Amino acid sequence: MICRACELPLAACLCAWVRPVDNRVELIVLQHPQEQHQAKGTVRLLQRCLSRCRVLVGEGFDEALLAPLLGAGTALLYPMDATALAGATAGPVQRLILLDATWRKSRKMLQLNPRLQTLPRLALTELPPSGYAIRRAQRPEQRSSLEAAALALQQLEAQVLPGLDRYRPLWEAFEGFVADRQKFG
């Protein structure tokens, strides 16, 4: 049996962990096709929780599809050669692009979509330890897509509204999801 809401088998249903969050900055996830059906993937939960989140699946994206998403106010969350956004965009970040893939596949996605390489990049600062205990990271700074998105959105919104803890429900959803998935080994 498949859950109609999250489209996962009932044994893996994540609906119990959905916590709605009204994010100011729109999140666009470019998801590699191999990540789309991963039971341990966090993008499905991220999409169900955030009010402004779109997921596009593919490796190389049509220019006509990407062009409207990559205008002024858009930044790429990607660590390679990342520099802080100070002065890099005309105005505040209104849209954040996140690549959901393994590190090797995300580099290929970046190569296949040259317009992404022209975007200002957001560098995450003050990273807490990862809570993603269901997959092993190769480096200590690596995070699940949900963790990276939540940290980036918090960082961006703190520049506008300091002290805001809008993303606590998203972190609670993540913690419940991880604990639930750990039961399956």
N, C-alpha and C. Protein backbone atom coordinates (compact mmCIF):
# COMPACT_ATOMS: atom_id res chain seq x y z
N MET A 1 0.83 -1.18 0.00
CA MET A 1 0.00 0.00 0.00
C MET A 1 0.88 1.25 0.00
N ILE A 2 0.44 2.26 -0.72
CA ILE A 2 1.16 3.52 -0.85
C ILE A 2 0.36 4.64 -0.18
N CYS A 3 1.03 5.48 0.56
CA CYS A 3 0.38 6.65 1.16
C CYS A 3 0.05 7.65 0.05
N ARG A 4 -1.17 8.10 0.00
CA ARG A 4 -1.59 9.04 -1.05
C ARG A 4 -0.93 10.41 -0.89
N ALA A 5 -0.61 10.81 0.33
CA ALA A 5 -0.06 12.15 0.56
C ALA A 5 1.43 12.22 0.23
N CYS A 6 2.23 11.29 0.74
CA CYS A 6 3.68 11.37 0.52
C CYS A 6 4.17 10.44 -0.58
N GLU A 7 3.29 9.56 -1.06
CA GLU A 7 3.60 8.65 -2.16
C GLU A 7 4.71 7.65 -1.82
N LEU A 8 4.81 7.32 -0.55
CA LEU A 8 5.76 6.30 -0.09
C LEU A 8 4.98 5.10 0.41
N PRO A 9 5.61 3.91 0.47
CA PRO A 9 4.93 2.77 1.08
C PRO A 9 4.53 3.13 2.52
N LEU A 10 3.40 2.60 2.98
CA LEU A 10 2.90 2.95 4.31
C LEU A 10 3.93 2.72 5.41
N ALA A 11 4.76 1.69 5.26
CA ALA A 11 5.78 1.42 6.27
C ALA A 11 6.82 2.54 6.34
N ALA A 12 6.98 3.28 5.24
CA ALA A 12 7.97 4.36 5.19
C ALA A 12 7.31 5.75 5.15
N CYS A 13 6.01 5.82 5.35
CA CYS A 13 5.27 7.08 5.28
C CYS A 13 5.91 8.12 6.20
N LEU A 14 6.06 9.32 5.69
CA LEU A 14 6.68 10.38 6.49
C LEU A 14 5.68 11.44 6.94
N CYS A 15 4.42 11.22 6.68
CA CYS A 15 3.39 12.22 6.98
C CYS A 15 3.34 12.60 8.46
N ALA A 16 3.68 11.68 9.35
CA ALA A 16 3.67 11.99 10.78
C ALA A 16 4.69 13.06 11.14
N TRP A 17 5.68 13.26 10.26
CA TRP A 17 6.76 14.20 10.58
C TRP A 17 6.60 15.55 9.88
N VAL A 18 5.57 15.72 9.10
CA VAL A 18 5.37 16.99 8.38
C VAL A 18 5.00 18.09 9.37
N ARG A 19 5.78 19.17 9.34
CA ARG A 19 5.54 20.35 10.18
C ARG A 19 5.58 21.57 9.27
N PRO A 20 4.44 22.19 8.98
CA PRO A 20 4.42 23.33 8.05
C PRO A 20 5.26 24.52 8.55
N VAL A 21 6.02 25.09 7.63
CA VAL A 21 6.86 26.26 7.92
C VAL A 21 6.68 27.24 6.77
N ASP A 22 6.41 28.49 7.11
CA ASP A 22 6.24 29.54 6.11
C ASP A 22 7.59 30.21 5.87
N ASN A 23 8.31 29.76 4.86
CA ASN A 23 9.63 30.31 4.56
C ASN A 23 9.50 31.54 3.67
N ARG A 24 10.29 32.57 3.97
CA ARG A 24 10.28 33.81 3.21
C ARG A 24 11.01 33.64 1.89
N VAL A 25 12.15 32.97 1.91
CA VAL A 25 12.97 32.75 0.72
C VAL A 25 12.48 31.47 0.04
N GLU A 26 12.17 31.57 -1.26
CA GLU A 26 11.73 30.41 -2.02
C GLU A 26 12.90 29.45 -2.21
N LEU A 27 12.63 28.17 -2.09
CA LEU A 27 13.64 27.14 -2.28
C LEU A 27 13.30 26.34 -3.53
N ILE A 28 14.26 26.26 -4.45
CA ILE A 28 14.14 25.43 -5.65
C ILE A 28 15.17 24.31 -5.51
N VAL A 29 14.69 23.08 -5.50
CA VAL A 29 15.58 21.92 -5.40
C VAL A 29 15.70 21.30 -6.79
N LEU A 30 16.91 21.22 -7.27
CA LEU A 30 17.19 20.50 -8.52
C LEU A 30 17.68 19.12 -8.08
N GLN A 31 16.84 18.14 -8.26
CA GLN A 31 17.10 16.81 -7.72
C GLN A 31 17.55 15.85 -8.81
N HIS A 32 18.66 15.19 -8.57
CA HIS A 32 19.14 14.17 -9.49
C HIS A 32 18.12 13.02 -9.51
N PRO A 33 17.85 12.44 -10.68
CA PRO A 33 16.84 11.37 -10.78
C PRO A 33 17.08 10.20 -9.82
N GLN A 34 18.34 9.89 -9.52
CA GLN A 34 18.61 8.76 -8.63
C GLN A 34 18.26 9.06 -7.17
N GLU A 35 18.06 10.32 -6.83
CA GLU A 35 17.68 10.69 -5.46
C GLU A 35 16.17 10.69 -5.25
N GLN A 36 15.43 10.73 -6.34
CA GLN A 36 13.99 10.92 -6.28
C GLN A 36 13.25 9.88 -5.43
N HIS A 37 13.68 8.65 -5.45
CA HIS A 37 12.96 7.58 -4.75
C HIS A 37 13.75 7.01 -3.58
N GLN A 38 14.75 7.72 -3.10
CA GLN A 38 15.54 7.26 -1.97
C GLN A 38 14.71 7.33 -0.68
N ALA A 39 14.57 6.22 0.00
CA ALA A 39 13.79 6.19 1.24
C ALA A 39 14.42 7.05 2.33
N LYS A 40 15.74 7.19 2.29
CA LYS A 40 16.44 7.99 3.30
C LYS A 40 16.61 9.45 2.88
N GLY A 41 16.13 9.79 1.71
CA GLY A 41 16.25 11.16 1.22
C GLY A 41 15.35 12.11 2.01
N THR A 42 15.81 13.34 2.17
CA THR A 42 15.07 14.30 2.99
C THR A 42 14.30 15.34 2.17
N VAL A 43 14.46 15.35 0.86
CA VAL A 43 13.81 16.38 0.04
C VAL A 43 12.29 16.26 0.06
N ARG A 44 11.79 15.06 0.07
CA ARG A 44 10.33 14.87 0.09
C ARG A 44 9.74 15.51 1.36
N LEU A 45 10.39 15.31 2.49
CA LEU A 45 9.93 15.92 3.74
C LEU A 45 10.09 17.43 3.68
N LEU A 46 11.20 17.89 3.16
CA LEU A 46 11.44 19.33 3.01
C LEU A 46 10.34 19.97 2.17
N GLN A 47 10.00 19.35 1.06
CA GLN A 47 8.96 19.87 0.17
C GLN A 47 7.60 19.89 0.86
N ARG A 48 7.32 18.90 1.66
CA ARG A 48 6.01 18.84 2.36
C ARG A 48 5.93 19.87 3.49
N CYS A 49 7.08 20.24 4.07
CA CYS A 49 7.07 21.18 5.20
C CYS A 49 7.09 22.64 4.77
N LEU A 50 7.91 22.98 3.78
CA LEU A 50 8.09 24.38 3.40
C LEU A 50 6.96 24.87 2.51
N SER A 51 6.48 26.08 2.77
CA SER A 51 5.40 26.64 1.96
C SER A 51 5.88 27.08 0.58
N ARG A 52 7.16 27.45 0.47
CA ARG A 52 7.72 27.91 -0.81
C ARG A 52 8.89 27.00 -1.20
N CYS A 53 8.54 25.84 -1.76
CA CYS A 53 9.56 24.87 -2.16
C CYS A 53 9.07 24.14 -3.40
N ARG A 54 9.92 24.14 -4.43
CA ARG A 54 9.62 23.40 -5.66
C ARG A 54 10.77 22.44 -5.92
N VAL A 55 10.44 21.27 -6.42
CA VAL A 55 11.44 20.26 -6.75
C VAL A 55 11.34 19.97 -8.24
N LEU A 56 12.46 20.09 -8.92
CA LEU A 56 12.56 19.75 -10.34
C LEU A 56 13.55 18.59 -10.45
N VAL A 57 13.14 17.52 -11.09
CA VAL A 57 13.97 16.32 -11.19
C VAL A 57 14.64 16.28 -12.55
N GLY A 58 15.94 16.04 -12.54
CA GLY A 58 16.70 15.92 -13.77
C GLY A 58 18.18 16.05 -13.49
N GLU A 59 18.95 15.96 -14.55
CA GLU A 59 20.40 16.15 -14.42
C GLU A 59 20.81 17.38 -15.21
N GLY A 60 20.43 17.42 -16.46
CA GLY A 60 20.62 18.61 -17.28
C GLY A 60 19.24 19.21 -17.51
N PHE A 61 19.09 20.48 -17.21
CA PHE A 61 17.78 21.13 -17.32
C PHE A 61 17.73 22.04 -18.53
N ASP A 62 16.58 22.07 -19.17
CA ASP A 62 16.36 22.93 -20.32
C ASP A 62 16.53 24.39 -19.92
N GLU A 63 17.23 25.14 -20.74
CA GLU A 63 17.49 26.55 -20.47
C GLU A 63 16.19 27.33 -20.29
N ALA A 64 15.17 27.00 -21.06
CA ALA A 64 13.88 27.70 -20.96
C ALA A 64 13.22 27.45 -19.60
N LEU A 65 13.47 26.30 -19.01
CA LEU A 65 12.92 25.99 -17.69
C LEU A 65 13.69 26.73 -16.59
N LEU A 66 15.01 26.75 -16.72
CA LEU A 66 15.84 27.37 -15.68
C LEU A 66 15.84 28.90 -15.73
N ALA A 67 15.82 29.47 -16.90
CA ALA A 67 15.99 30.93 -17.05
C ALA A 67 15.10 31.75 -16.12
N PRO A 68 13.79 31.46 -16.03
CA PRO A 68 12.96 32.30 -15.15
C PRO A 68 13.29 32.16 -13.66
N LEU A 69 13.98 31.07 -13.30
CA LEU A 69 14.30 30.83 -11.90
C LEU A 69 15.63 31.46 -11.48
N LEU A 70 16.44 31.87 -12.45
CA LEU A 70 17.81 32.27 -12.14
C LEU A 70 18.04 33.77 -12.24
N GLY A 71 17.01 34.55 -12.11
CA GLY A 71 17.14 36.00 -12.22
C GLY A 71 17.73 36.64 -10.98
N ALA A 72 17.59 37.95 -10.92
CA ALA A 72 18.09 38.72 -9.78
C ALA A 72 17.48 38.19 -8.49
N GLY A 73 18.28 38.19 -7.45
CA GLY A 73 17.81 37.72 -6.15
C GLY A 73 17.92 36.23 -5.96
N THR A 74 18.55 35.52 -6.91
CA THR A 74 18.71 34.06 -6.81
C THR A 74 20.15 33.74 -6.44
N ALA A 75 20.33 32.78 -5.54
CA ALA A 75 21.66 32.33 -5.13
C ALA A 75 21.69 30.81 -5.16
N LEU A 76 22.88 30.26 -5.30
CA LEU A 76 23.09 28.82 -5.31
C LEU A 76 23.73 28.40 -3.99
N LEU A 77 23.14 27.42 -3.34
CA LEU A 77 23.72 26.85 -2.14
C LEU A 77 24.62 25.71 -2.60
N TYR A 78 25.91 25.99 -2.65
CA TYR A 78 26.87 25.01 -3.14
C TYR A 78 28.24 25.41 -2.62
N PRO A 79 28.94 24.51 -1.93
CA PRO A 79 30.16 24.91 -1.23
C PRO A 79 31.41 25.09 -2.08
N MET A 80 31.51 24.46 -3.25
CA MET A 80 32.75 24.53 -4.01
C MET A 80 33.06 25.97 -4.38
N ASP A 81 34.20 26.47 -3.92
CA ASP A 81 34.63 27.84 -4.21
C ASP A 81 33.58 28.87 -3.79
N ALA A 82 32.80 28.53 -2.77
CA ALA A 82 31.74 29.45 -2.35
C ALA A 82 32.34 30.67 -1.67
N THR A 83 31.72 31.79 -1.92
CA THR A 83 32.07 33.01 -1.22
C THR A 83 30.80 33.58 -0.63
N ALA A 84 30.94 34.31 0.44
CA ALA A 84 29.76 34.89 1.08
C ALA A 84 29.06 35.81 0.09
N LEU A 85 27.79 35.99 0.30
CA LEU A 85 26.98 36.76 -0.63
C LEU A 85 27.14 38.27 -0.50
N ALA A 86 27.89 38.73 0.45
CA ALA A 86 28.00 40.18 0.66
C ALA A 86 28.34 40.88 -0.65
N GLY A 87 27.42 41.69 -1.11
CA GLY A 87 27.63 42.47 -2.33
C GLY A 87 27.52 41.69 -3.62
N ALA A 88 27.22 40.40 -3.56
CA ALA A 88 27.21 39.58 -4.76
C ALA A 88 25.88 39.63 -5.51
N THR A 89 24.82 40.02 -4.84
CA THR A 89 23.52 40.10 -5.51
C THR A 89 22.97 41.50 -5.41
N ALA A 90 22.10 41.84 -6.32
CA ALA A 90 21.43 43.13 -6.27
C ALA A 90 20.22 42.98 -5.35
N GLY A 91 20.37 43.29 -4.09
CA GLY A 91 19.28 43.15 -3.14
C GLY A 91 19.33 41.82 -2.41
N PRO A 92 18.34 41.58 -1.56
CA PRO A 92 18.34 40.36 -0.77
C PRO A 92 18.06 39.12 -1.61
N VAL A 93 18.47 37.98 -1.09
CA VAL A 93 18.19 36.71 -1.76
C VAL A 93 16.71 36.40 -1.61
N GLN A 94 16.05 36.19 -2.72
CA GLN A 94 14.62 35.85 -2.72
C GLN A 94 14.38 34.40 -3.10
N ARG A 95 15.39 33.78 -3.73
CA ARG A 95 15.25 32.40 -4.20
C ARG A 95 16.60 31.70 -4.01
N LEU A 96 16.54 30.50 -3.48
CA LEU A 96 17.74 29.72 -3.24
C LEU A 96 17.65 28.42 -4.03
N ILE A 97 18.71 28.12 -4.77
CA ILE A 97 18.78 26.87 -5.55
C ILE A 97 19.65 25.88 -4.78
N LEU A 98 19.14 24.66 -4.61
CA LEU A 98 19.86 23.60 -3.92
C LEU A 98 19.94 22.39 -4.85
N LEU A 99 21.11 21.79 -4.98
CA LEU A 99 21.28 20.58 -5.78
C LEU A 99 21.18 19.38 -4.84
N ASP A 100 20.26 18.47 -5.12
CA ASP A 100 20.08 17.27 -4.31
C ASP A 100 20.64 16.09 -5.09
N ALA A 101 21.85 15.70 -4.70
CA ALA A 101 22.56 14.62 -5.39
C ALA A 101 23.77 14.24 -4.56
N THR A 102 24.41 13.15 -4.93
CA THR A 102 25.70 12.85 -4.31
C THR A 102 26.66 13.97 -4.73
N TRP A 103 27.79 14.10 -4.03
CA TRP A 103 28.73 15.18 -4.37
C TRP A 103 29.22 15.04 -5.80
N ARG A 104 29.54 13.83 -6.23
CA ARG A 104 30.02 13.63 -7.60
C ARG A 104 28.95 14.01 -8.62
N LYS A 105 27.73 13.57 -8.37
CA LYS A 105 26.64 13.87 -9.30
C LYS A 105 26.26 15.36 -9.27
N SER A 106 26.39 16.00 -8.13
CA SER A 106 26.08 17.44 -8.08
C SER A 106 27.10 18.24 -8.89
N ARG A 107 28.35 17.82 -8.87
CA ARG A 107 29.36 18.49 -9.71
C ARG A 107 29.02 18.33 -11.19
N LYS A 108 28.54 17.15 -11.57
CA LYS A 108 28.15 16.93 -12.96
C LYS A 108 26.93 17.79 -13.31
N MET A 109 25.97 17.90 -12.40
CA MET A 109 24.80 18.74 -12.63
C MET A 109 25.23 20.20 -12.83
N LEU A 110 26.19 20.62 -12.06
CA LEU A 110 26.70 21.99 -12.19
C LEU A 110 27.35 22.19 -13.56
N GLN A 111 28.10 21.19 -14.02
CA GLN A 111 28.74 21.28 -15.34
C GLN A 111 27.71 21.25 -16.47
N LEU A 112 26.66 20.46 -16.32
CA LEU A 112 25.64 20.34 -17.36
C LEU A 112 24.72 21.55 -17.44
N ASN A 113 24.72 22.37 -16.42
CA ASN A 113 23.85 23.55 -16.36
C ASN A 113 24.70 24.78 -16.10
N PRO A 114 25.40 25.28 -17.14
CA PRO A 114 26.36 26.37 -16.95
C PRO A 114 25.77 27.64 -16.33
N ARG A 115 24.48 27.88 -16.53
CA ARG A 115 23.87 29.09 -15.92
C ARG A 115 23.94 29.04 -14.40
N LEU A 116 23.90 27.84 -13.83
CA LEU A 116 24.02 27.72 -12.37
C LEU A 116 25.37 28.23 -11.88
N GLN A 117 26.40 28.04 -12.71
CA GLN A 117 27.75 28.47 -12.33
C GLN A 117 27.87 29.99 -12.25
N THR A 118 26.96 30.72 -12.86
CA THR A 118 27.03 32.17 -12.86
C THR A 118 26.35 32.79 -11.64
N LEU A 119 25.63 31.97 -10.87
CA LEU A 119 24.90 32.49 -9.71
C LEU A 119 25.84 32.81 -8.55
N PRO A 120 25.51 33.83 -7.76
CA PRO A 120 26.26 34.02 -6.51
C PRO A 120 26.00 32.81 -5.62
N ARG A 121 26.99 32.46 -4.84
CA ARG A 121 26.86 31.27 -3.99
C ARG A 121 26.77 31.66 -2.53
N LEU A 122 25.96 30.90 -1.82
CA LEU A 122 25.80 31.10 -0.40
C LEU A 122 26.73 30.15 0.33
N ALA A 123 27.54 30.69 1.22
CA ALA A 123 28.41 29.88 2.07
C ALA A 123 27.75 29.74 3.43
N LEU A 124 27.55 28.52 3.88
CA LEU A 124 26.99 28.30 5.20
C LEU A 124 28.05 28.63 6.25
N THR A 125 27.60 29.25 7.32
CA THR A 125 28.52 29.62 8.40
C THR A 125 28.07 28.95 9.69
N GLU A 126 29.00 28.76 10.59
CA GLU A 126 28.73 28.22 11.92
C GLU A 126 27.89 26.95 11.87
N LEU A 127 28.43 25.92 11.22
CA LEU A 127 27.71 24.66 11.06
C LEU A 127 27.69 23.86 12.36
N PRO A 128 26.50 23.53 12.85
CA PRO A 128 26.43 22.61 13.99
C PRO A 128 26.71 21.20 13.50
N PRO A 129 26.95 20.25 14.40
CA PRO A 129 27.14 18.87 13.95
C PRO A 129 25.89 18.37 13.22
N SER A 130 26.11 17.51 12.25
CA SER A 130 24.99 16.95 11.49
C SER A 130 24.19 15.98 12.35
N GLY A 131 22.89 15.99 12.18
CA GLY A 131 22.02 15.05 12.87
C GLY A 131 21.55 13.93 11.95
N TYR A 132 22.13 13.86 10.76
CA TYR A 132 21.69 12.89 9.75
C TYR A 132 22.43 11.57 9.96
N ALA A 133 21.94 10.80 10.91
CA ALA A 133 22.63 9.58 11.32
C ALA A 133 22.31 8.37 10.44
N ILE A 134 21.51 8.53 9.40
CA ILE A 134 21.10 7.37 8.60
C ILE A 134 21.92 7.20 7.33
N ARG A 135 22.75 8.17 7.01
CA ARG A 135 23.71 8.05 5.90
C ARG A 135 25.03 8.61 6.39
N ARG A 136 26.11 8.03 5.90
CA ARG A 136 27.43 8.46 6.34
C ARG A 136 27.97 9.54 5.40
N ALA A 137 28.41 10.63 5.99
CA ALA A 137 29.02 11.72 5.22
C ALA A 137 30.50 11.41 5.02
N GLN A 138 31.05 11.87 3.89
CA GLN A 138 32.47 11.66 3.62
C GLN A 138 33.33 12.71 4.31
N ARG A 139 32.73 13.90 4.53
CA ARG A 139 33.46 14.99 5.19
C ARG A 139 32.56 15.59 6.27
N PRO A 140 33.15 16.16 7.32
CA PRO A 140 32.34 16.65 8.45
C PRO A 140 31.39 17.80 8.09
N GLU A 141 31.69 18.57 7.07
CA GLU A 141 30.82 19.70 6.71
C GLU A 141 29.64 19.29 5.83
N GLN A 142 29.59 18.04 5.40
CA GLN A 142 28.49 17.59 4.53
C GLN A 142 27.22 17.40 5.35
N ARG A 143 26.09 17.79 4.73
CA ARG A 143 24.79 17.73 5.38
C ARG A 143 23.77 17.10 4.44
N SER A 144 22.67 16.62 5.01
CA SER A 144 21.55 16.18 4.19
C SER A 144 20.97 17.42 3.52
N SER A 145 20.18 17.21 2.48
CA SER A 145 19.58 18.34 1.78
C SER A 145 18.68 19.16 2.71
N LEU A 146 17.93 18.48 3.58
CA LEU A 146 17.07 19.22 4.50
C LEU A 146 17.90 20.06 5.46
N GLU A 147 18.95 19.48 6.03
CA GLU A 147 19.80 20.25 6.94
C GLU A 147 20.41 21.46 6.24
N ALA A 148 20.96 21.24 5.05
CA ALA A 148 21.59 22.34 4.32
C ALA A 148 20.57 23.44 4.02
N ALA A 149 19.39 23.05 3.57
CA ALA A 149 18.35 24.05 3.25
C ALA A 149 17.92 24.80 4.49
N ALA A 150 17.66 24.09 5.59
CA ALA A 150 17.23 24.75 6.82
C ALA A 150 18.29 25.71 7.34
N LEU A 151 19.54 25.29 7.33
CA LEU A 151 20.64 26.17 7.78
C LEU A 151 20.75 27.41 6.89
N ALA A 152 20.63 27.21 5.59
CA ALA A 152 20.74 28.34 4.66
C ALA A 152 19.58 29.31 4.82
N LEU A 153 18.37 28.78 4.93
CA LEU A 153 17.20 29.65 5.09
C LEU A 153 17.27 30.41 6.41
N GLN A 154 17.70 29.74 7.46
CA GLN A 154 17.87 30.42 8.75
C GLN A 154 18.90 31.53 8.63
N GLN A 155 20.01 31.24 7.98
CA GLN A 155 21.08 32.22 7.82
C GLN A 155 20.59 33.43 7.01
N LEU A 156 19.89 33.18 5.93
CA LEU A 156 19.39 34.28 5.09
C LEU A 156 18.35 35.12 5.83
N GLU A 157 17.44 34.46 6.51
CA GLU A 157 16.39 35.20 7.19
C GLU A 157 16.88 35.91 8.44
N ALA A 158 17.94 35.40 9.07
CA ALA A 158 18.51 36.07 10.24
C ALA A 158 19.08 37.43 9.86
N GLN A 159 19.47 37.60 8.60
CA GLN A 159 19.97 38.90 8.14
C GLN A 159 18.85 39.93 8.14
N VAL A 160 17.60 39.46 7.98
CA VAL A 160 16.45 40.36 7.91
C VAL A 160 15.73 40.42 9.26
N LEU A 161 15.54 39.28 9.89
CA LEU A 161 14.80 39.20 11.16
C LEU A 161 15.62 38.44 12.20
N PRO A 162 16.60 39.08 12.83
CA PRO A 162 17.45 38.39 13.81
C PRO A 162 16.62 37.77 14.94
N GLY A 163 17.08 36.62 15.40
CA GLY A 163 16.44 35.95 16.52
C GLY A 163 15.21 35.13 16.17
N LEU A 164 14.86 35.08 14.92
CA LEU A 164 13.68 34.34 14.50
C LEU A 164 13.97 32.84 14.53
N ASP A 165 13.09 32.08 15.15
CA ASP A 165 13.26 30.63 15.21
C ASP A 165 12.15 29.94 14.42
N ARG A 166 11.88 30.45 13.25
CA ARG A 166 10.81 29.96 12.38
C ARG A 166 11.03 28.50 11.97
N TYR A 167 12.27 28.05 11.94
CA TYR A 167 12.57 26.72 11.40
C TYR A 167 12.64 25.63 12.46
N ARG A 168 12.31 25.93 13.71
CA ARG A 168 12.29 24.90 14.75
C ARG A 168 11.38 23.73 14.35
N PRO A 169 10.16 23.97 13.81
CA PRO A 169 9.32 22.83 13.41
C PRO A 169 9.98 21.96 12.33
N LEU A 170 10.74 22.57 11.43
CA LEU A 170 11.43 21.80 10.39
C LEU A 170 12.50 20.91 11.00
N TRP A 171 13.22 21.45 11.99
CA TRP A 171 14.24 20.64 12.68
C TRP A 171 13.58 19.50 13.45
N GLU A 172 12.42 19.75 14.06
CA GLU A 172 11.71 18.69 14.78
C GLU A 172 11.24 17.61 13.80
N ALA A 173 10.76 18.02 12.63
CA ALA A 173 10.36 17.06 11.60
C ALA A 173 11.55 16.20 11.18
N PHE A 174 12.69 16.84 10.97
CA PHE A 174 13.92 16.14 10.58
C PHE A 174 14.33 15.13 11.64
N GLU A 175 14.33 15.55 12.89
CA GLU A 175 14.74 14.66 13.99
C GLU A 175 13.82 13.45 14.07
N GLY A 176 12.51 13.66 13.94
CA GLY A 176 11.56 12.54 13.96
C GLY A 176 11.76 11.61 12.78
N PHE A 177 11.97 12.19 11.60
CA PHE A 177 12.21 11.41 10.38
C PHE A 177 13.45 10.53 10.54
N VAL A 178 14.54 11.12 11.02
CA VAL A 178 15.80 10.36 11.20
C VAL A 178 15.60 9.24 12.22
N ALA A 179 14.97 9.54 13.34
CA ALA A 179 14.74 8.52 14.36
C ALA A 179 13.87 7.39 13.79
N ASP A 180 12.87 7.74 13.02
CA ASP A 180 12.00 6.74 12.40
C ASP A 180 12.77 5.86 11.42
N ARG A 181 13.61 6.46 10.58
CA ARG A 181 14.37 5.70 9.58
C ARG A 181 15.44 4.82 10.24
N GLN A 182 15.95 5.22 11.39
CA GLN A 182 16.95 4.41 12.07
C GLN A 182 16.38 3.07 12.53
N LYS A 183 15.08 2.98 12.72
CA LYS A 183 14.45 1.73 13.11
C LYS A 183 14.60 0.66 12.01
N PHE A 184 14.70 1.11 10.76
CA PHE A 184 14.80 0.18 9.64
C PHE A 184 16.23 -0.27 9.37
N GLY A 185 17.19 0.32 10.09
CA GLY A 185 18.58 -0.07 9.93
C GLY A 185 19.20 0.51 8.79
